[in-house]
Amino acid sequence: MPNGGTHHCGHCRHYGRDSTLCTLRKIPIQQSHWTTCRDWNREATEPHGPVFSIVCEVKSGAGGCGDIPWFDGCRVDTVQRTSGGDTVVCFTDRSGQQHEFEDVEAYLRFYEQKVGKIV
């Protein structure tokens, strides 16, 4: 798959292709084809909800893509373990601490505990 779908920042009216900046949220978007939000390509003047990473999760040889929210402005992603096989969810917070979760469900439980339900 060449990108995370058609609902990504790279196709959004709020994405400044020359500056890689979301003009709605005023944040840099480094992976425009793997990042999205609920305001994707909508006429909006205020952001609604979090920014999402478009991720691929592999478990037991099967994979799928989905959107997971950034944590406190920090990009969350899936990475394959160095031993191969399954992916894990990880991010580095603003203080530089690395966080790792066995799967998307574990990360979402953490997110909801810290931030609340995704609206």
Protein backbone atom coordinates (compact mmCIF):
# COMPACT_ATOMS: atom_id res chain seq x y z
CA MET A 1 0.00 0.00 0.00
CA PRO A 2 1.60 3.31 -1.02
CA ASN A 3 -0.09 5.37 1.69
CA GLY A 4 -2.66 5.19 4.49
CA GLY A 5 -5.65 5.79 2.21
CA THR A 6 -7.18 8.90 0.69
CA HIS A 7 -8.16 10.59 3.96
CA HIS A 8 -4.66 11.78 4.83
CA CYS A 9 -3.10 15.21 5.27
CA GLY A 10 -1.34 15.02 1.91
CA HIS A 11 -4.74 15.45 0.20
CA CYS A 12 -6.18 17.96 2.69
CA ARG A 13 -7.04 21.59 2.02
CA HIS A 14 -5.36 22.55 5.33
CA TYR A 15 -1.99 21.03 4.45
CA GLY A 16 0.70 23.44 3.25
CA ARG A 17 2.66 21.33 0.80
CA ASP A 18 5.53 23.83 0.69
CA SER A 19 5.81 24.14 4.46
CA THR A 20 4.49 20.71 5.59
CA LEU A 21 2.36 22.64 8.09
CA CYS A 22 -1.29 22.05 8.95
CA THR A 23 -2.70 25.52 8.47
CA LEU A 24 -5.74 24.70 10.65
CA ARG A 25 -3.82 23.31 13.64
CA LYS A 26 -0.53 25.18 13.09
CA ILE A 27 1.54 22.02 13.59
CA PRO A 28 4.17 20.36 11.40
CA ILE A 29 3.06 17.21 9.61
CA GLN A 30 6.13 15.11 8.82
CA GLN A 31 4.32 12.07 7.43
CA SER A 32 1.51 13.62 5.43
CA HIS A 33 0.35 10.37 3.84
CA TRP A 34 0.18 8.62 7.24
CA THR A 35 -1.51 11.37 9.28
CA THR A 36 -5.14 12.53 9.43
CA CYS A 37 -7.77 14.20 11.63
CA ARG A 38 -11.53 14.62 11.76
CA ASP A 39 -11.22 17.95 9.97
CA TRP A 40 -9.68 16.26 6.98
CA ASN A 41 -10.53 18.39 4.00
CA ARG A 42 -13.53 20.03 5.73
CA GLU A 43 -14.12 23.72 5.77
CA ALA A 44 -13.23 24.36 9.39
CA THR A 45 -11.86 27.29 11.34
CA GLU A 46 -11.34 25.42 14.62
CA PRO A 47 -9.82 21.92 14.99
CA HIS A 48 -12.04 19.13 16.30
CA GLY A 49 -10.55 16.18 18.14
CA PRO A 50 -7.02 14.82 17.99
CA VAL A 51 -4.59 14.26 15.17
CA PHE A 52 -4.36 10.58 14.20
CA SER A 53 -1.52 8.43 12.91
CA ILE A 54 -2.62 6.05 10.18
CA VAL A 55 -0.94 2.81 11.22
CA CYS A 56 -0.58 -0.77 10.09
CA GLU A 57 -0.74 -3.37 12.84
CA VAL A 58 0.52 -6.93 12.31
CA LYS A 59 -0.42 -9.69 14.77
CA SER A 60 0.11 -13.40 14.19
CA GLY A 61 0.88 -12.86 10.52
CA ALA A 62 -2.28 -10.86 9.75
CA GLY A 63 -2.37 -7.11 9.29
CA GLY A 64 -4.73 -4.21 9.10
CA CYS A 65 -4.69 -0.42 9.00
CA GLY A 66 -6.41 2.03 11.31
CA ASP A 67 -6.21 5.47 12.85
CA ILE A 68 -4.88 6.02 16.39
CA PRO A 69 -4.70 9.38 18.18
CA TRP A 70 -1.48 11.21 18.90
CA PHE A 71 -0.71 11.58 22.59
CA ASP A 72 -0.26 15.14 23.87
CA GLY A 73 0.92 16.35 20.47
CA CYS A 74 3.34 13.44 20.02
CA ARG A 75 3.04 11.13 17.03
CA VAL A 76 2.21 7.53 17.90
CA ASP A 77 3.18 4.79 15.46
CA THR A 78 3.49 1.06 15.02
CA VAL A 79 6.90 -0.52 14.52
CA GLN A 80 7.96 -4.07 13.86
CA ARG A 81 9.94 -5.72 16.63
CA THR A 82 13.62 -6.21 15.85
CA SER A 83 12.98 -9.96 15.93
CA GLY A 84 10.37 -9.54 13.17
CA GLY A 85 6.77 -10.61 13.25
CA ASP A 86 4.27 -8.60 15.26
CA THR A 87 4.24 -4.83 15.55
CA VAL A 88 4.12 -2.78 18.74
CA VAL A 89 2.72 0.70 19.31
CA CYS A 90 5.22 3.29 20.51
CA PHE A 91 5.79 6.99 20.99
CA THR A 92 8.19 9.34 22.73
CA ASP A 93 6.51 11.88 24.99
CA ARG A 94 7.48 15.53 25.41
CA SER A 95 9.90 14.71 28.23
CA GLY A 96 11.73 12.21 26.03
CA GLN A 97 10.33 9.08 27.70
CA GLN A 98 9.69 6.18 25.33
CA HIS A 99 6.35 4.35 25.68
CA GLU A 100 5.61 0.95 24.14
CA PHE A 101 2.39 -1.06 24.00
CA GLU A 102 1.78 -4.62 22.82
CA ASP A 103 -1.01 -3.57 20.45
CA VAL A 104 -3.38 -0.79 19.44
CA GLU A 105 -6.00 -1.88 21.99
CA ALA A 106 -3.51 -1.53 24.87
CA TYR A 107 -2.49 1.93 23.63
CA LEU A 108 -6.13 3.03 23.33
CA ARG A 109 -6.81 1.90 26.92
CA PHE A 110 -3.82 4.01 28.05
CA TYR A 111 -5.02 6.97 25.97
CA GLU A 112 -8.56 6.83 27.36
CA GLN A 113 -7.23 6.55 30.92
CA LYS A 114 -4.99 9.62 30.47
CA VAL A 115 -7.03 11.76 28.05
CA GLY A 116 -10.55 10.35 28.01
CA LYS A 117 -12.73 8.96 25.26
CA ILE A 118 -11.92 10.01 21.72
CA VAL A 119 -14.60 12.40 20.55
